[in-house]
Amino acid sequence: MKFEKIKMILIALVLSLQFGGISSTVSQNIGDDDLKDNINDITVMDMGNNSIQLSDYNDKVLLIVNVASECGYTPQYKGLEEIYQSYNSLGFEILAFPCNDFGAQEPGTNDEIKAFCSSKFNVTFKLFDKIKVLGDEKSPLYERLTNNSVTDSSDINWNFEKFIISKDGIITARFLTKVEPTDEAITKLIEQELEKE
């Protein structure tokens, strides 16, 4: 009987040593804290009604921004395009999400928004389907961006708030509307993230 107990304990010990590493690695990679600060598991829709998994952007540094065509800050499209042109070839992308949550300043259809951005600001970075960033219909992406341990928990205040995302999908920083896309705080952070392996 004692032999059987010892045998069972040894088997349990071997199994725990054998699989413990896998289990802890998995929990480290997809634990609550990591998942909360990472956007890789989120899917969004682009303006062509295509489903895009944000993990497809791994190895790229991202700037995610909620945009509007009739806002006092709409001229920031110019600065966004400027930094896109400066850093895109190095592995930088801008993901712009039109949003009508603030003062109904983005009333147009996707086609109208795309035409406006192209004709007024020569935008070449990717535009996505119009979303909600506030309230019960807040998109899963903005639920994550506004509720994480890196940039804290608070709603988007206005159009053109900006989030920097690392190459592995981690939320790195949040910049309020008034911070211009070309501000040194943003460009330096983009450069730092681009330099990381």
N, C-alpha and C. Protein backbone atom coordinates (compact mmCIF):
# COMPACT_ATOMS: atom_id res chain seq x y z
N MET A 1 0.82 -1.20 0.00
CA MET A 1 0.00 0.00 0.00
C MET A 1 0.87 1.27 0.00
N LYS A 2 1.93 1.24 0.86
CA LYS A 2 2.84 2.37 0.92
C LYS A 2 3.51 2.58 -0.43
N PHE A 3 3.89 1.47 -1.08
CA PHE A 3 4.54 1.53 -2.38
C PHE A 3 3.64 2.22 -3.41
N GLU A 4 2.35 1.87 -3.39
CA GLU A 4 1.39 2.48 -4.31
C GLU A 4 1.29 3.99 -4.09
N LYS A 5 1.26 4.40 -2.83
CA LYS A 5 1.17 5.83 -2.51
C LYS A 5 2.41 6.57 -3.03
N ILE A 6 3.58 5.96 -2.77
CA ILE A 6 4.83 6.58 -3.21
C ILE A 6 4.85 6.68 -4.74
N LYS A 7 4.38 5.60 -5.39
CA LYS A 7 4.34 5.58 -6.85
C LYS A 7 3.44 6.70 -7.38
N MET A 8 2.27 6.86 -6.76
CA MET A 8 1.32 7.91 -7.19
C MET A 8 1.93 9.31 -6.98
N ILE A 9 2.62 9.50 -5.86
CA ILE A 9 3.25 10.79 -5.58
C ILE A 9 4.33 11.09 -6.62
N LEU A 10 5.13 10.06 -6.95
CA LEU A 10 6.19 10.24 -7.95
C LEU A 10 5.61 10.58 -9.33
N ILE A 11 4.55 9.87 -9.70
CA ILE A 11 3.90 10.15 -10.99
C ILE A 11 3.38 11.59 -11.01
N ALA A 12 2.73 11.99 -9.93
CA ALA A 12 2.20 13.36 -9.85
C ALA A 12 3.31 14.39 -9.95
N LEU A 13 4.44 14.09 -9.29
CA LEU A 13 5.58 15.00 -9.31
C LEU A 13 6.17 15.14 -10.72
N VAL A 14 6.33 13.99 -11.38
CA VAL A 14 6.87 13.99 -12.75
C VAL A 14 5.95 14.78 -13.68
N LEU A 15 4.64 14.51 -13.57
CA LEU A 15 3.68 15.23 -14.43
C LEU A 15 3.72 16.72 -14.16
N SER A 16 3.80 17.08 -12.91
CA SER A 16 3.82 18.50 -12.57
C SER A 16 5.09 19.17 -13.10
N LEU A 17 6.24 18.47 -13.02
CA LEU A 17 7.48 19.05 -13.56
C LEU A 17 7.43 19.13 -15.08
N GLN A 18 6.84 18.10 -15.70
CA GLN A 18 6.80 18.02 -17.15
C GLN A 18 5.91 19.09 -17.75
N PHE A 19 4.75 19.31 -17.14
CA PHE A 19 3.77 20.23 -17.74
C PHE A 19 3.70 21.58 -17.05
N GLY A 20 4.38 21.71 -15.92
CA GLY A 20 4.33 22.97 -15.18
C GLY A 20 4.84 24.13 -15.99
N GLY A 21 5.95 23.92 -16.74
CA GLY A 21 6.52 24.98 -17.56
C GLY A 21 5.57 25.45 -18.63
N ILE A 22 4.89 24.51 -19.29
CA ILE A 22 3.92 24.87 -20.34
C ILE A 22 2.80 25.68 -19.74
N SER A 23 2.30 25.19 -18.63
CA SER A 23 1.16 25.85 -17.99
C SER A 23 1.52 27.28 -17.58
N SER A 24 2.69 27.44 -16.94
CA SER A 24 3.05 28.78 -16.49
C SER A 24 3.36 29.70 -17.67
N THR A 25 3.94 29.15 -18.74
CA THR A 25 4.20 29.96 -19.92
C THR A 25 2.90 30.45 -20.53
N VAL A 26 1.94 29.56 -20.64
CA VAL A 26 0.65 29.94 -21.21
C VAL A 26 0.00 31.01 -20.35
N SER A 27 0.02 30.82 -19.02
CA SER A 27 -0.64 31.80 -18.17
C SER A 27 0.10 33.14 -18.23
N GLN A 28 1.42 33.10 -18.40
CA GLN A 28 2.14 34.37 -18.52
C GLN A 28 1.78 35.08 -19.82
N ASN A 29 1.59 34.29 -20.88
CA ASN A 29 1.32 34.90 -22.18
C ASN A 29 -0.11 35.40 -22.32
N ILE A 30 -1.05 34.73 -21.70
CA ILE A 30 -2.44 35.16 -21.88
C ILE A 30 -3.14 35.41 -20.54
N GLY A 31 -2.37 35.79 -19.54
CA GLY A 31 -2.96 36.12 -18.25
C GLY A 31 -3.82 37.36 -18.35
N ASP A 32 -4.62 37.60 -17.33
CA ASP A 32 -5.56 38.72 -17.33
C ASP A 32 -4.87 40.05 -17.55
N ASP A 33 -3.74 40.26 -16.85
CA ASP A 33 -3.05 41.54 -16.97
C ASP A 33 -2.50 41.75 -18.38
N ASP A 34 -1.88 40.69 -18.95
CA ASP A 34 -1.32 40.81 -20.29
C ASP A 34 -2.41 41.06 -21.31
N LEU A 35 -3.47 40.31 -21.22
CA LEU A 35 -4.55 40.43 -22.19
C LEU A 35 -5.18 41.82 -22.12
N LYS A 36 -5.29 42.35 -20.92
CA LYS A 36 -5.91 43.65 -20.73
C LYS A 36 -5.11 44.77 -21.39
N ASP A 37 -3.80 44.60 -21.49
CA ASP A 37 -2.93 45.63 -22.03
C ASP A 37 -2.53 45.37 -23.48
N ASN A 38 -3.06 44.31 -24.07
CA ASN A 38 -2.66 43.87 -25.40
C ASN A 38 -3.88 43.84 -26.32
N ILE A 39 -3.72 44.29 -27.57
CA ILE A 39 -4.86 44.36 -28.49
C ILE A 39 -4.87 43.22 -29.51
N ASN A 40 -3.95 42.28 -29.39
CA ASN A 40 -3.80 41.24 -30.42
C ASN A 40 -5.04 40.39 -30.65
N ASP A 41 -5.85 40.20 -29.63
CA ASP A 41 -7.02 39.32 -29.76
C ASP A 41 -8.23 40.02 -30.37
N ILE A 42 -8.11 41.29 -30.70
CA ILE A 42 -9.27 42.08 -31.17
C ILE A 42 -9.33 42.10 -32.69
N THR A 43 -10.56 42.00 -33.21
CA THR A 43 -10.81 42.08 -34.64
C THR A 43 -11.59 43.35 -34.93
N VAL A 44 -11.23 44.05 -36.01
CA VAL A 44 -11.93 45.28 -36.42
C VAL A 44 -12.32 45.15 -37.89
N MET A 45 -13.15 46.08 -38.34
CA MET A 45 -13.57 46.09 -39.74
C MET A 45 -12.97 47.31 -40.44
N ASP A 46 -12.46 47.09 -41.66
CA ASP A 46 -11.97 48.24 -42.41
C ASP A 46 -13.11 48.83 -43.25
N MET A 47 -12.81 49.86 -44.02
CA MET A 47 -13.85 50.52 -44.80
C MET A 47 -14.38 49.68 -45.96
N GLY A 48 -13.66 48.64 -46.30
CA GLY A 48 -14.12 47.74 -47.35
C GLY A 48 -14.91 46.58 -46.79
N ASN A 49 -15.27 46.68 -45.50
CA ASN A 49 -16.04 45.64 -44.82
C ASN A 49 -15.25 44.34 -44.66
N ASN A 50 -13.93 44.47 -44.62
CA ASN A 50 -13.05 43.32 -44.39
C ASN A 50 -12.72 43.23 -42.91
N SER A 51 -12.72 42.02 -42.40
CA SER A 51 -12.39 41.76 -41.00
C SER A 51 -10.86 41.71 -40.86
N ILE A 52 -10.32 42.50 -39.92
CA ILE A 52 -8.88 42.59 -39.72
C ILE A 52 -8.54 42.20 -38.28
N GLN A 53 -7.71 41.18 -38.13
CA GLN A 53 -7.22 40.79 -36.80
C GLN A 53 -6.04 41.69 -36.47
N LEU A 54 -6.09 42.38 -35.33
CA LEU A 54 -5.03 43.33 -35.01
C LEU A 54 -3.67 42.66 -34.79
N SER A 55 -3.66 41.38 -34.50
CA SER A 55 -2.39 40.67 -34.39
C SER A 55 -1.66 40.63 -35.73
N ASP A 56 -2.38 40.86 -36.84
CA ASP A 56 -1.74 40.92 -38.16
C ASP A 56 -0.72 42.06 -38.24
N TYR A 57 -0.84 43.03 -37.32
CA TYR A 57 0.08 44.17 -37.30
C TYR A 57 1.29 43.94 -36.40
N ASN A 58 1.44 42.75 -35.85
CA ASN A 58 2.62 42.48 -35.03
C ASN A 58 3.87 42.74 -35.85
N ASP A 59 4.90 43.23 -35.19
CA ASP A 59 6.15 43.68 -35.79
C ASP A 59 6.04 45.09 -36.38
N LYS A 60 4.88 45.73 -36.21
CA LYS A 60 4.70 47.13 -36.61
C LYS A 60 4.40 47.95 -35.35
N VAL A 61 4.89 49.17 -35.32
CA VAL A 61 4.49 50.13 -34.28
C VAL A 61 3.24 50.84 -34.80
N LEU A 62 2.22 50.94 -33.96
CA LEU A 62 0.95 51.52 -34.39
C LEU A 62 0.64 52.82 -33.66
N LEU A 63 -0.04 53.71 -34.36
CA LEU A 63 -0.73 54.83 -33.73
C LEU A 63 -2.20 54.65 -34.07
N ILE A 64 -3.03 54.50 -33.05
CA ILE A 64 -4.47 54.34 -33.25
C ILE A 64 -5.13 55.65 -32.83
N VAL A 65 -6.04 56.14 -33.68
CA VAL A 65 -6.64 57.45 -33.44
C VAL A 65 -8.11 57.45 -33.87
N ASN A 66 -8.96 58.09 -33.06
CA ASN A 66 -10.37 58.29 -33.45
C ASN A 66 -10.47 59.64 -34.16
N VAL A 67 -11.03 59.64 -35.37
CA VAL A 67 -10.99 60.83 -36.23
C VAL A 67 -12.40 61.32 -36.57
N ALA A 68 -12.46 62.58 -37.02
CA ALA A 68 -13.72 63.18 -37.44
C ALA A 68 -13.44 64.26 -38.48
N SER A 69 -14.37 64.42 -39.42
CA SER A 69 -14.17 65.32 -40.56
C SER A 69 -14.60 66.76 -40.31
N GLU A 70 -15.42 67.00 -39.28
CA GLU A 70 -15.96 68.35 -39.06
C GLU A 70 -15.60 68.87 -37.67
N CYS A 71 -14.40 68.58 -37.25
CA CYS A 71 -13.94 68.93 -35.90
C CYS A 71 -12.90 70.05 -36.00
N GLY A 72 -12.78 70.84 -34.95
CA GLY A 72 -11.74 71.86 -34.92
C GLY A 72 -10.34 71.27 -35.02
N TYR A 73 -10.22 69.99 -34.67
CA TYR A 73 -8.92 69.31 -34.71
C TYR A 73 -8.71 68.51 -35.99
N THR A 74 -9.66 68.58 -36.92
CA THR A 74 -9.54 67.82 -38.17
C THR A 74 -8.23 68.12 -38.92
N PRO A 75 -7.68 69.35 -38.86
CA PRO A 75 -6.39 69.59 -39.51
C PRO A 75 -5.25 68.69 -39.01
N GLN A 76 -5.46 67.99 -37.89
CA GLN A 76 -4.43 67.05 -37.43
C GLN A 76 -4.21 65.92 -38.44
N TYR A 77 -5.14 65.73 -39.37
CA TYR A 77 -4.91 64.76 -40.44
C TYR A 77 -3.58 65.05 -41.15
N LYS A 78 -3.27 66.33 -41.29
CA LYS A 78 -2.02 66.73 -41.97
C LYS A 78 -0.81 66.20 -41.21
N GLY A 79 -0.80 66.39 -39.89
CA GLY A 79 0.30 65.91 -39.07
C GLY A 79 0.37 64.39 -39.03
N LEU A 80 -0.80 63.75 -39.00
CA LEU A 80 -0.83 62.28 -39.03
C LEU A 80 -0.20 61.76 -40.32
N GLU A 81 -0.58 62.36 -41.44
CA GLU A 81 0.00 61.93 -42.72
C GLU A 81 1.51 62.20 -42.76
N GLU A 82 1.92 63.31 -42.15
CA GLU A 82 3.34 63.65 -42.13
C GLU A 82 4.16 62.59 -41.38
N ILE A 83 3.70 62.19 -40.19
CA ILE A 83 4.47 61.18 -39.46
C ILE A 83 4.33 59.80 -40.12
N TYR A 84 3.21 59.56 -40.77
CA TYR A 84 3.06 58.30 -41.51
C TYR A 84 4.10 58.21 -42.63
N GLN A 85 4.26 59.29 -43.37
CA GLN A 85 5.24 59.32 -44.44
C GLN A 85 6.67 59.20 -43.90
N SER A 86 6.92 59.77 -42.73
CA SER A 86 8.26 59.73 -42.14
C SER A 86 8.66 58.34 -41.66
N TYR A 87 7.70 57.62 -41.08
CA TYR A 87 8.06 56.38 -40.38
C TYR A 87 7.49 55.10 -40.99
N ASN A 88 6.62 55.20 -41.97
CA ASN A 88 5.97 54.01 -42.51
C ASN A 88 6.98 52.99 -43.05
N SER A 89 7.98 53.45 -43.75
CA SER A 89 8.96 52.53 -44.34
C SER A 89 9.80 51.82 -43.28
N LEU A 90 9.76 52.34 -42.04
CA LEU A 90 10.52 51.74 -40.94
C LEU A 90 9.69 50.74 -40.13
N GLY A 91 8.40 50.63 -40.48
CA GLY A 91 7.54 49.68 -39.77
C GLY A 91 6.48 50.33 -38.91
N PHE A 92 6.00 51.49 -39.32
CA PHE A 92 4.99 52.25 -38.56
C PHE A 92 3.69 52.32 -39.36
N GLU A 93 2.58 52.12 -38.66
CA GLU A 93 1.25 52.22 -39.28
C GLU A 93 0.34 53.10 -38.44
N ILE A 94 -0.56 53.80 -39.12
CA ILE A 94 -1.63 54.55 -38.45
C ILE A 94 -2.94 53.86 -38.77
N LEU A 95 -3.73 53.58 -37.72
CA LEU A 95 -5.06 53.00 -37.87
C LEU A 95 -6.05 54.06 -37.40
N ALA A 96 -6.82 54.61 -38.34
CA ALA A 96 -7.75 55.71 -38.03
C ALA A 96 -9.18 55.20 -38.02
N PHE A 97 -9.89 55.51 -36.94
CA PHE A 97 -11.26 55.06 -36.75
C PHE A 97 -12.22 56.24 -36.68
N PRO A 98 -12.95 56.51 -37.77
CA PRO A 98 -13.94 57.59 -37.74
C PRO A 98 -14.97 57.33 -36.64
N CYS A 99 -15.40 58.43 -36.02
CA CYS A 99 -16.31 58.32 -34.88
C CYS A 99 -17.21 59.55 -34.83
N ASN A 100 -18.50 59.32 -34.62
CA ASN A 100 -19.48 60.41 -34.60
C ASN A 100 -19.96 60.72 -33.18
N ASP A 101 -19.21 60.28 -32.17
CA ASP A 101 -19.66 60.39 -30.77
C ASP A 101 -19.56 61.80 -30.20
N PHE A 102 -18.77 62.67 -30.82
CA PHE A 102 -18.53 63.99 -30.24
C PHE A 102 -19.08 65.08 -31.15
N GLY A 103 -20.16 65.68 -30.74
CA GLY A 103 -20.76 66.79 -31.50
C GLY A 103 -21.22 66.41 -32.89
N ALA A 104 -21.48 65.12 -33.11
CA ALA A 104 -21.91 64.65 -34.45
C ALA A 104 -21.00 65.20 -35.55
N GLN A 105 -19.69 65.14 -35.30
CA GLN A 105 -18.71 65.75 -36.21
C GLN A 105 -18.18 64.79 -37.27
N GLU A 106 -18.74 63.57 -37.30
CA GLU A 106 -18.38 62.64 -38.37
C GLU A 106 -19.66 61.99 -38.90
N PRO A 107 -20.51 62.79 -39.59
CA PRO A 107 -21.83 62.29 -40.02
C PRO A 107 -21.80 61.46 -41.30
N GLY A 108 -20.70 61.52 -42.06
CA GLY A 108 -20.67 60.92 -43.39
C GLY A 108 -20.60 59.41 -43.41
N THR A 109 -20.80 58.86 -44.60
CA THR A 109 -20.62 57.42 -44.83
C THR A 109 -19.13 57.14 -44.96
N ASN A 110 -18.77 55.87 -44.97
CA ASN A 110 -17.37 55.51 -45.15
C ASN A 110 -16.80 56.08 -46.46
N ASP A 111 -17.58 55.99 -47.53
CA ASP A 111 -17.13 56.51 -48.83
C ASP A 111 -16.91 58.02 -48.77
N GLU A 112 -17.82 58.73 -48.12
CA GLU A 112 -17.68 60.19 -47.99
C GLU A 112 -16.46 60.55 -47.14
N ILE A 113 -16.25 59.81 -46.07
CA ILE A 113 -15.09 60.06 -45.20
C ILE A 113 -13.79 59.82 -45.96
N LYS A 114 -13.74 58.72 -46.69
CA LYS A 114 -12.54 58.38 -47.47
C LYS A 114 -12.26 59.46 -48.51
N ALA A 115 -13.31 59.91 -49.21
CA ALA A 115 -13.14 60.94 -50.24
C ALA A 115 -12.66 62.25 -49.61
N PHE A 116 -13.21 62.61 -48.46
CA PHE A 116 -12.82 63.83 -47.76
C PHE A 116 -11.34 63.77 -47.37
N CYS A 117 -10.94 62.67 -46.74
CA CYS A 117 -9.56 62.53 -46.27
C CYS A 117 -8.56 62.57 -47.42
N SER A 118 -8.94 61.96 -48.52
CA SER A 118 -8.06 61.92 -49.69
C SER A 118 -7.94 63.28 -50.35
N SER A 119 -9.09 63.95 -50.55
CA SER A 119 -9.07 65.22 -51.28
C SER A 119 -8.54 66.38 -50.46
N LYS A 120 -8.83 66.41 -49.17
CA LYS A 120 -8.43 67.54 -48.32
C LYS A 120 -7.04 67.39 -47.72
N PHE A 121 -6.66 66.15 -47.39
CA PHE A 121 -5.40 65.97 -46.66
C PHE A 121 -4.47 64.92 -47.28
N ASN A 122 -4.83 64.41 -48.45
CA ASN A 122 -3.99 63.41 -49.12
C ASN A 122 -3.64 62.23 -48.22
N VAL A 123 -4.61 61.80 -47.41
CA VAL A 123 -4.37 60.71 -46.47
C VAL A 123 -4.12 59.40 -47.20
N THR A 124 -3.04 58.73 -46.83
CA THR A 124 -2.73 57.43 -47.43
C THR A 124 -2.71 56.30 -46.40
N PHE A 125 -2.79 56.65 -45.10
CA PHE A 125 -2.83 55.60 -44.08
C PHE A 125 -4.23 54.98 -44.02
N LYS A 126 -4.34 53.85 -43.33
CA LYS A 126 -5.57 53.05 -43.38
C LYS A 126 -6.69 53.63 -42.53
N LEU A 127 -7.86 53.74 -43.16
CA LEU A 127 -9.08 54.17 -42.49
C LEU A 127 -9.97 52.95 -42.25
N PHE A 128 -10.61 52.92 -41.10
CA PHE A 128 -11.45 51.80 -40.72
C PHE A 128 -12.92 52.19 -40.65
N ASP A 129 -13.75 51.20 -40.49
CA ASP A 129 -15.19 51.40 -40.39
C ASP A 129 -15.51 52.32 -39.21
N LYS A 130 -16.53 53.15 -39.38
CA LYS A 130 -16.94 54.06 -38.32
C LYS A 130 -17.35 53.27 -37.08
N ILE A 131 -16.91 53.72 -35.91
CA ILE A 131 -17.18 53.00 -34.67
C ILE A 131 -17.71 53.92 -33.59
N LYS A 132 -18.09 53.30 -32.47
CA LYS A 132 -18.46 54.03 -31.25
C LYS A 132 -17.30 53.89 -30.27
N VAL A 133 -16.93 55.00 -29.64
CA VAL A 133 -15.87 54.94 -28.63
C VAL A 133 -16.41 55.22 -27.22
N LEU A 134 -17.71 55.48 -27.14
CA LEU A 134 -18.36 55.75 -25.86
C LEU A 134 -19.61 54.89 -25.70
N GLY A 135 -20.04 54.74 -24.45
CA GLY A 135 -21.34 54.14 -24.17
C GLY A 135 -21.41 52.62 -24.31
N ASP A 136 -22.64 52.14 -24.31
CA ASP A 136 -22.88 50.69 -24.33
C ASP A 136 -22.42 50.03 -25.61
N GLU A 137 -22.34 50.80 -26.70
CA GLU A 137 -21.92 50.22 -27.98
C GLU A 137 -20.44 50.47 -28.28
N LYS A 138 -19.69 50.85 -27.26
CA LYS A 138 -18.25 51.09 -27.43
C LYS A 138 -17.59 49.86 -28.05
N SER A 139 -16.75 50.09 -29.05
CA SER A 139 -16.09 48.97 -29.73
C SER A 139 -15.16 48.24 -28.76
N PRO A 140 -14.96 46.93 -28.97
CA PRO A 140 -14.02 46.18 -28.11
C PRO A 140 -12.62 46.79 -28.10
N LEU A 141 -12.19 47.34 -29.24
CA LEU A 141 -10.88 47.97 -29.28
C LEU A 141 -10.80 49.14 -28.31
N TYR A 142 -11.80 50.00 -28.35
CA TYR A 142 -11.77 51.18 -27.47
C TYR A 142 -12.09 50.82 -26.03
N GLU A 143 -12.78 49.72 -25.82
CA GLU A 143 -12.96 49.21 -24.46
C GLU A 143 -11.59 48.87 -23.87
N ARG A 144 -10.74 48.26 -24.67
CA ARG A 144 -9.40 47.89 -24.23
C ARG A 144 -8.50 49.11 -24.09
N LEU A 145 -8.54 49.99 -25.09
CA LEU A 145 -7.67 51.17 -25.06
C LEU A 145 -7.95 52.10 -23.88
N THR A 146 -9.21 52.13 -23.45
CA THR A 146 -9.59 53.05 -22.37
C THR A 146 -9.74 52.37 -21.02
N ASN A 147 -9.34 51.11 -20.95
CA ASN A 147 -9.45 50.39 -19.68
C ASN A 147 -8.33 49.36 -19.59
N ASN A 148 -7.16 49.82 -19.19
CA ASN A 148 -5.99 48.94 -19.10
C ASN A 148 -5.06 49.48 -18.03
N SER A 149 -4.04 48.71 -17.70
CA SER A 149 -3.15 49.11 -16.61
C SER A 149 -2.05 50.07 -17.06
N VAL A 150 -1.93 50.29 -18.36
CA VAL A 150 -0.87 51.17 -18.87
C VAL A 150 -1.36 52.62 -18.94
N THR A 151 -2.51 52.83 -19.59
CA THR A 151 -3.00 54.21 -19.76
C THR A 151 -4.18 54.51 -18.85
N ASP A 152 -4.45 53.60 -17.91
CA ASP A 152 -5.49 53.78 -16.90
C ASP A 152 -6.89 53.60 -17.50
N SER A 153 -7.90 53.94 -16.73
CA SER A 153 -9.29 53.73 -17.15
C SER A 153 -10.02 55.07 -17.20
N SER A 154 -10.24 55.56 -18.41
CA SER A 154 -11.05 56.77 -18.58
C SER A 154 -11.50 56.85 -20.03
N ASP A 155 -12.72 57.34 -20.21
CA ASP A 155 -13.28 57.43 -21.56
C ASP A 155 -12.50 58.39 -22.44
N ILE A 156 -12.66 58.20 -23.74
CA ILE A 156 -12.14 59.16 -24.71
C ILE A 156 -12.84 60.50 -24.47
N ASN A 157 -12.06 61.57 -24.46
CA ASN A 157 -12.61 62.90 -24.19
C ASN A 157 -13.12 63.62 -25.43
N TRP A 158 -12.47 63.37 -26.58
CA TRP A 158 -12.83 64.08 -27.80
C TRP A 158 -12.19 63.37 -28.99
N ASN A 159 -12.44 63.90 -30.18
CA ASN A 159 -11.82 63.35 -31.39
C ASN A 159 -10.30 63.52 -31.34
N PHE A 160 -9.61 62.67 -32.07
CA PHE A 160 -8.16 62.73 -32.26
C PHE A 160 -7.34 62.45 -31.00
N GLU A 161 -7.84 61.57 -30.13
CA GLU A 161 -6.97 61.02 -29.08
C GLU A 161 -6.12 59.93 -29.73
N LYS A 162 -4.89 59.80 -29.25
CA LYS A 162 -3.93 58.92 -29.93
C LYS A 162 -3.34 57.91 -28.95
N PHE A 163 -3.20 56.68 -29.44
CA PHE A 163 -2.60 55.60 -28.65
C PHE A 163 -1.43 55.02 -29.44
N ILE A 164 -0.32 54.81 -28.76
CA ILE A 164 0.83 54.15 -29.37
C ILE A 164 0.83 52.69 -28.91
N ILE A 165 1.01 51.79 -29.88
CA ILE A 165 1.00 50.35 -29.62
C ILE A 165 2.36 49.78 -30.05
N SER A 166 2.95 48.95 -29.20
CA SER A 166 4.26 48.37 -29.50
C SER A 166 4.16 47.29 -30.57
N LYS A 167 5.31 46.80 -31.00
CA LYS A 167 5.36 45.78 -32.06
C LYS A 167 4.68 44.48 -31.67
N ASP A 168 4.54 44.24 -30.37
CA ASP A 168 3.88 43.01 -29.94
C ASP A 168 2.46 43.24 -29.44
N GLY A 169 1.88 44.38 -29.81
CA GLY A 169 0.48 44.64 -29.52
C GLY A 169 0.18 45.23 -28.16
N ILE A 170 1.21 45.65 -27.42
CA ILE A 170 1.01 46.20 -26.08
C ILE A 170 0.69 47.69 -26.17
N ILE A 171 -0.34 48.12 -25.44
CA ILE A 171 -0.66 49.54 -25.35
C ILE A 171 0.47 50.22 -24.59
N THR A 172 1.08 51.24 -25.20
CA THR A 172 2.28 51.86 -24.64
C THR A 172 2.04 53.25 -24.07
N ALA A 173 1.20 54.05 -24.75
CA ALA A 173 0.97 55.42 -24.30
C ALA A 173 -0.32 55.97 -24.90
N ARG A 174 -0.84 56.98 -24.25
CA ARG A 174 -2.06 57.67 -24.70
C ARG A 174 -1.78 59.17 -24.72
N PHE A 175 -2.18 59.82 -25.80
CA PHE A 175 -2.00 61.26 -25.93
C PHE A 175 -3.35 61.91 -26.18
N LEU A 176 -3.65 62.95 -25.44
CA LEU A 176 -4.94 63.62 -25.57
C LEU A 176 -5.01 64.42 -26.88
N THR A 177 -6.21 64.83 -27.21
CA THR A 177 -6.51 65.50 -28.48
C THR A 177 -5.56 66.64 -28.80
N LYS A 178 -5.29 67.49 -27.83
CA LYS A 178 -4.53 68.72 -28.11
C LYS A 178 -3.07 68.45 -28.47
N VAL A 179 -2.57 67.25 -28.19
CA VAL A 179 -1.19 66.92 -28.54
C VAL A 179 -1.13 66.61 -30.04
N GLU A 180 -0.41 67.44 -30.77
CA GLU A 180 -0.31 67.29 -32.22
C GLU A 180 0.42 65.98 -32.57
N PRO A 181 0.05 65.35 -33.67
CA PRO A 181 0.73 64.11 -34.08
C PRO A 181 2.23 64.27 -34.25
N THR A 182 2.67 65.48 -34.63
CA THR A 182 4.10 65.72 -34.86
C THR A 182 4.84 66.17 -33.59
N ASP A 183 4.12 66.23 -32.47
CA ASP A 183 4.75 66.62 -31.20
C ASP A 183 5.91 65.68 -30.89
N GLU A 184 6.97 66.23 -30.35
CA GLU A 184 8.18 65.44 -30.07
C GLU A 184 7.90 64.28 -29.12
N ALA A 185 6.96 64.45 -28.20
CA ALA A 185 6.64 63.36 -27.27
C ALA A 185 6.14 62.13 -28.03
N ILE A 186 5.38 62.36 -29.10
CA ILE A 186 4.88 61.26 -29.91
C ILE A 186 5.96 60.71 -30.82
N THR A 187 6.65 61.59 -31.55
CA THR A 187 7.64 61.11 -32.52
C THR A 187 8.80 60.39 -31.84
N LYS A 188 9.24 60.89 -30.68
CA LYS A 188 10.33 60.23 -29.96
C LYS A 188 9.91 58.83 -29.52
N LEU A 189 8.66 58.71 -29.04
CA LEU A 189 8.18 57.40 -28.60
C LEU A 189 8.07 56.43 -29.78
N ILE A 190 7.59 56.92 -30.91
CA ILE A 190 7.52 56.09 -32.12
C ILE A 190 8.93 55.59 -32.47
N GLU A 191 9.90 56.50 -32.46
CA GLU A 191 11.27 56.12 -32.79
C GLU A 191 11.83 55.09 -31.82
N GLN A 192 11.55 55.29 -30.53
CA GLN A 192 12.03 54.33 -29.51
C GLN A 192 11.41 52.95 -29.74
N GLU A 193 10.10 52.92 -30.02
CA GLU A 193 9.43 51.64 -30.23
C GLU A 193 9.91 50.96 -31.52
N LEU A 194 10.20 51.75 -32.55
CA LEU A 194 10.69 51.19 -33.79
C LEU A 194 12.07 50.55 -33.63
N GLU A 195 12.87 51.10 -32.70
CA GLU A 195 14.22 50.58 -32.48
C GLU A 195 14.24 49.27 -31.73
N LYS A 196 13.16 48.96 -31.03
CA LYS A 196 13.10 47.73 -30.24
C LYS A 196 12.98 46.52 -31.16
N GLU A 197 13.59 45.41 -30.73
CA GLU A 197 13.51 44.16 -31.49
C GLU A 197 12.11 43.57 -31.41
